[in-house]
Amino acid sequence: MSILMVNEYADFKMLKDLLSVTDGNLASHTKALEKVAYIKVEKQFIGRKPNTRYSATVLGKAEFKKHIEALEKLIKKSE
């Protein structure tokens, strides 16, 4: 989600490379995020190659911001 918060979109290869995860791991996480409508998934072809592109939804961005705020509160409490 953090990658999608600072980029308009990211494709599967970009996410895989940046996160250093396996195809299966990334696929399961993106499927979970899509299921709760935090990300939008677009499948297309570039030339003859399939391409899957992900972007954060308005709901996903709002929920991610809540998550960061909760983490910040935890950090402040421990200081």
N, C-alpha and C. Protein backbone atom coordinates (compact mmCIF):
# COMPACT_ATOMS: atom_id res chain seq x y z
N MET A 1 0.83 -1.20 0.00
CA MET A 1 0.00 0.00 0.00
C MET A 1 0.86 1.25 0.00
N SER A 2 1.98 1.22 0.71
CA SER A 2 2.81 2.43 0.76
C SER A 2 3.32 2.81 -0.64
N ILE A 3 3.62 1.83 -1.45
CA ILE A 3 4.06 2.11 -2.83
C ILE A 3 2.94 2.76 -3.62
N LEU A 4 1.73 2.27 -3.42
CA LEU A 4 0.59 2.81 -4.15
C LEU A 4 0.13 4.17 -3.61
N MET A 5 0.54 4.51 -2.41
CA MET A 5 0.20 5.82 -1.85
C MET A 5 1.03 6.93 -2.51
N VAL A 6 2.21 6.59 -2.97
CA VAL A 6 3.10 7.63 -3.54
C VAL A 6 3.24 7.52 -5.06
N ASN A 7 2.60 6.52 -5.64
CA ASN A 7 2.60 6.34 -7.10
C ASN A 7 1.16 6.22 -7.57
N GLU A 8 0.87 6.76 -8.72
CA GLU A 8 -0.48 6.66 -9.26
C GLU A 8 -0.88 5.21 -9.45
N TYR A 9 0.07 4.40 -9.89
CA TYR A 9 -0.15 2.96 -10.06
C TYR A 9 1.19 2.25 -10.05
N ALA A 10 1.14 0.94 -9.93
CA ALA A 10 2.34 0.10 -10.03
C ALA A 10 1.91 -1.21 -10.67
N ASP A 11 2.76 -1.74 -11.54
CA ASP A 11 2.42 -3.03 -12.12
C ASP A 11 3.03 -4.16 -11.28
N PHE A 12 2.65 -5.38 -11.61
CA PHE A 12 3.06 -6.55 -10.84
C PHE A 12 4.58 -6.62 -10.73
N LYS A 13 5.28 -6.45 -11.84
CA LYS A 13 6.74 -6.56 -11.83
C LYS A 13 7.37 -5.50 -10.95
N MET A 14 6.88 -4.28 -11.01
CA MET A 14 7.42 -3.20 -10.19
C MET A 14 7.25 -3.53 -8.71
N LEU A 15 6.05 -3.96 -8.32
CA LEU A 15 5.81 -4.32 -6.92
C LEU A 15 6.71 -5.47 -6.49
N LYS A 16 6.79 -6.48 -7.33
CA LYS A 16 7.61 -7.65 -7.01
C LYS A 16 9.07 -7.25 -6.80
N ASP A 17 9.59 -6.43 -7.69
CA ASP A 17 10.98 -5.99 -7.59
C ASP A 17 11.22 -5.12 -6.35
N LEU A 18 10.34 -4.17 -6.11
CA LEU A 18 10.51 -3.27 -4.97
C LEU A 18 10.36 -3.98 -3.62
N LEU A 19 9.48 -4.97 -3.57
CA LEU A 19 9.20 -5.66 -2.31
C LEU A 19 10.03 -6.92 -2.10
N SER A 20 10.68 -7.38 -3.16
CA SER A 20 11.49 -8.62 -3.09
C SER A 20 10.68 -9.79 -2.55
N VAL A 21 9.53 -10.03 -3.17
CA VAL A 21 8.66 -11.13 -2.77
C VAL A 21 8.45 -12.08 -3.95
N THR A 22 7.91 -13.25 -3.65
CA THR A 22 7.63 -14.22 -4.71
C THR A 22 6.33 -13.84 -5.42
N ASP A 23 6.14 -14.41 -6.61
CA ASP A 23 4.90 -14.17 -7.36
C ASP A 23 3.69 -14.57 -6.51
N GLY A 24 3.75 -15.74 -5.90
CA GLY A 24 2.63 -16.24 -5.12
C GLY A 24 2.31 -15.38 -3.92
N ASN A 25 3.34 -14.91 -3.24
CA ASN A 25 3.15 -14.07 -2.07
C ASN A 25 2.50 -12.75 -2.47
N LEU A 26 3.01 -12.14 -3.53
CA LEU A 26 2.45 -10.87 -4.00
C LEU A 26 1.02 -11.06 -4.48
N ALA A 27 0.77 -12.14 -5.20
CA ALA A 27 -0.57 -12.40 -5.70
C ALA A 27 -1.58 -12.56 -4.56
N SER A 28 -1.19 -13.26 -3.50
CA SER A 28 -2.13 -13.46 -2.40
C SER A 28 -2.41 -12.15 -1.66
N HIS A 29 -1.39 -11.32 -1.49
CA HIS A 29 -1.59 -10.04 -0.81
C HIS A 29 -2.43 -9.08 -1.65
N THR A 30 -2.15 -9.02 -2.95
CA THR A 30 -2.94 -8.11 -3.79
C THR A 30 -4.39 -8.59 -3.90
N LYS A 31 -4.59 -9.89 -3.91
CA LYS A 31 -5.95 -10.42 -3.95
C LYS A 31 -6.72 -10.03 -2.68
N ALA A 32 -6.04 -10.11 -1.53
CA ALA A 32 -6.68 -9.73 -0.26
C ALA A 32 -7.02 -8.25 -0.25
N LEU A 33 -6.12 -7.41 -0.75
CA LEU A 33 -6.39 -5.97 -0.80
C LEU A 33 -7.50 -5.63 -1.78
N GLU A 34 -7.55 -6.36 -2.88
CA GLU A 34 -8.62 -6.15 -3.86
C GLU A 34 -9.97 -6.57 -3.27
N LYS A 35 -9.98 -7.64 -2.52
CA LYS A 35 -11.23 -8.17 -1.94
C LYS A 35 -11.89 -7.15 -1.00
N VAL A 36 -11.08 -6.39 -0.26
CA VAL A 36 -11.64 -5.38 0.65
C VAL A 36 -11.71 -4.00 0.01
N ALA A 37 -11.49 -3.94 -1.31
CA ALA A 37 -11.61 -2.72 -2.12
C ALA A 37 -10.60 -1.64 -1.76
N TYR A 38 -9.41 -2.05 -1.30
CA TYR A 38 -8.34 -1.09 -1.00
C TYR A 38 -7.53 -0.78 -2.25
N ILE A 39 -7.55 -1.69 -3.22
CA ILE A 39 -6.84 -1.46 -4.48
C ILE A 39 -7.75 -1.80 -5.65
N LYS A 40 -7.43 -1.18 -6.78
CA LYS A 40 -8.11 -1.46 -8.04
C LYS A 40 -7.11 -2.22 -8.91
N VAL A 41 -7.58 -3.27 -9.56
CA VAL A 41 -6.72 -4.08 -10.41
C VAL A 41 -7.17 -3.93 -11.86
N GLU A 42 -6.23 -3.61 -12.73
CA GLU A 42 -6.51 -3.47 -14.17
C GLU A 42 -5.61 -4.43 -14.93
N LYS A 43 -6.22 -5.28 -15.72
CA LYS A 43 -5.45 -6.22 -16.55
C LYS A 43 -5.54 -5.76 -17.99
N GLN A 44 -4.40 -5.76 -18.65
CA GLN A 44 -4.34 -5.32 -20.03
C GLN A 44 -3.21 -6.05 -20.75
N PHE A 45 -3.10 -5.83 -22.02
CA PHE A 45 -1.98 -6.37 -22.78
C PHE A 45 -1.14 -5.20 -23.28
N ILE A 46 0.16 -5.34 -23.17
CA ILE A 46 1.09 -4.39 -23.75
C ILE A 46 1.81 -5.17 -24.84
N GLY A 47 1.46 -4.86 -26.07
CA GLY A 47 1.89 -5.72 -27.17
C GLY A 47 1.17 -7.05 -27.02
N ARG A 48 1.92 -8.11 -26.91
CA ARG A 48 1.31 -9.43 -26.70
C ARG A 48 1.49 -9.93 -25.28
N LYS A 49 2.07 -9.09 -24.42
CA LYS A 49 2.34 -9.52 -23.05
C LYS A 49 1.24 -9.02 -22.10
N PRO A 50 0.75 -9.91 -21.21
CA PRO A 50 -0.22 -9.46 -20.23
C PRO A 50 0.44 -8.55 -19.19
N ASN A 51 -0.31 -7.58 -18.71
CA ASN A 51 0.20 -6.64 -17.71
C ASN A 51 -0.91 -6.40 -16.69
N THR A 52 -0.57 -6.53 -15.42
CA THR A 52 -1.52 -6.25 -14.34
C THR A 52 -1.05 -5.02 -13.60
N ARG A 53 -1.95 -4.06 -13.48
CA ARG A 53 -1.63 -2.78 -12.87
C ARG A 53 -2.52 -2.56 -11.65
N TYR A 54 -1.94 -2.02 -10.60
CA TYR A 54 -2.65 -1.81 -9.34
C TYR A 54 -2.63 -0.32 -8.99
N SER A 55 -3.73 0.15 -8.40
CA SER A 55 -3.78 1.51 -7.88
C SER A 55 -4.60 1.50 -6.60
N ALA A 56 -4.29 2.43 -5.72
CA ALA A 56 -5.02 2.53 -4.45
C ALA A 56 -6.36 3.21 -4.70
N THR A 57 -7.40 2.70 -4.06
CA THR A 57 -8.72 3.31 -4.14
C THR A 57 -8.82 4.42 -3.08
N VAL A 58 -9.86 5.21 -3.16
CA VAL A 58 -10.09 6.24 -2.14
C VAL A 58 -10.21 5.58 -0.77
N LEU A 59 -10.95 4.49 -0.69
CA LEU A 59 -11.09 3.75 0.57
C LEU A 59 -9.73 3.24 1.04
N GLY A 60 -8.96 2.67 0.14
CA GLY A 60 -7.65 2.14 0.49
C GLY A 60 -6.72 3.22 1.04
N LYS A 61 -6.73 4.38 0.40
CA LYS A 61 -5.90 5.50 0.87
C LYS A 61 -6.33 5.95 2.27
N ALA A 62 -7.63 6.05 2.48
CA ALA A 62 -8.14 6.48 3.79
C ALA A 62 -7.76 5.48 4.87
N GLU A 63 -7.92 4.20 4.58
CA GLU A 63 -7.61 3.16 5.57
C GLU A 63 -6.11 3.10 5.84
N PHE A 64 -5.30 3.31 4.83
CA PHE A 64 -3.85 3.31 5.04
C PHE A 64 -3.45 4.49 5.93
N LYS A 65 -4.05 5.65 5.70
CA LYS A 65 -3.76 6.82 6.55
C LYS A 65 -4.15 6.55 8.00
N LYS A 66 -5.29 5.88 8.21
CA LYS A 66 -5.70 5.51 9.58
C LYS A 66 -4.66 4.58 10.21
N HIS A 67 -4.17 3.63 9.43
CA HIS A 67 -3.16 2.68 9.90
C HIS A 67 -1.89 3.42 10.33
N ILE A 68 -1.43 4.35 9.52
CA ILE A 68 -0.22 5.12 9.85
C ILE A 68 -0.45 5.96 11.11
N GLU A 69 -1.62 6.56 11.23
CA GLU A 69 -1.93 7.36 12.41
C GLU A 69 -1.93 6.50 13.67
N ALA A 70 -2.46 5.28 13.57
CA ALA A 70 -2.46 4.36 14.72
C ALA A 70 -1.03 3.97 15.11
N LEU A 71 -0.19 3.73 14.11
CA LEU A 71 1.21 3.41 14.40
C LEU A 71 1.92 4.59 15.06
N GLU A 72 1.64 5.80 14.59
CA GLU A 72 2.25 6.99 15.18
C GLU A 72 1.83 7.16 16.64
N LYS A 73 0.58 6.86 16.95
CA LYS A 73 0.11 6.94 18.34
C LYS A 73 0.84 5.93 19.22
N LEU A 74 1.04 4.74 18.70
CA LEU A 74 1.78 3.72 19.45
C LEU A 74 3.21 4.18 19.73
N ILE A 75 3.83 4.77 18.74
CA ILE A 75 5.21 5.24 18.91
C ILE A 75 5.28 6.33 19.96
N LYS A 76 4.34 7.27 19.91
CA LYS A 76 4.32 8.38 20.86
C LYS A 76 4.10 7.88 22.28
N LYS A 77 3.27 6.85 22.46
CA LYS A 77 3.03 6.29 23.79
C LYS A 77 4.28 5.65 24.37
N SER A 78 5.12 5.08 23.51
CA SER A 78 6.30 4.38 24.00
C SER A 78 7.48 5.34 24.26
N GLU A 79 7.35 6.58 23.91
CA GLU A 79 8.46 7.55 24.12
C GLU A 79 8.47 8.08 25.52
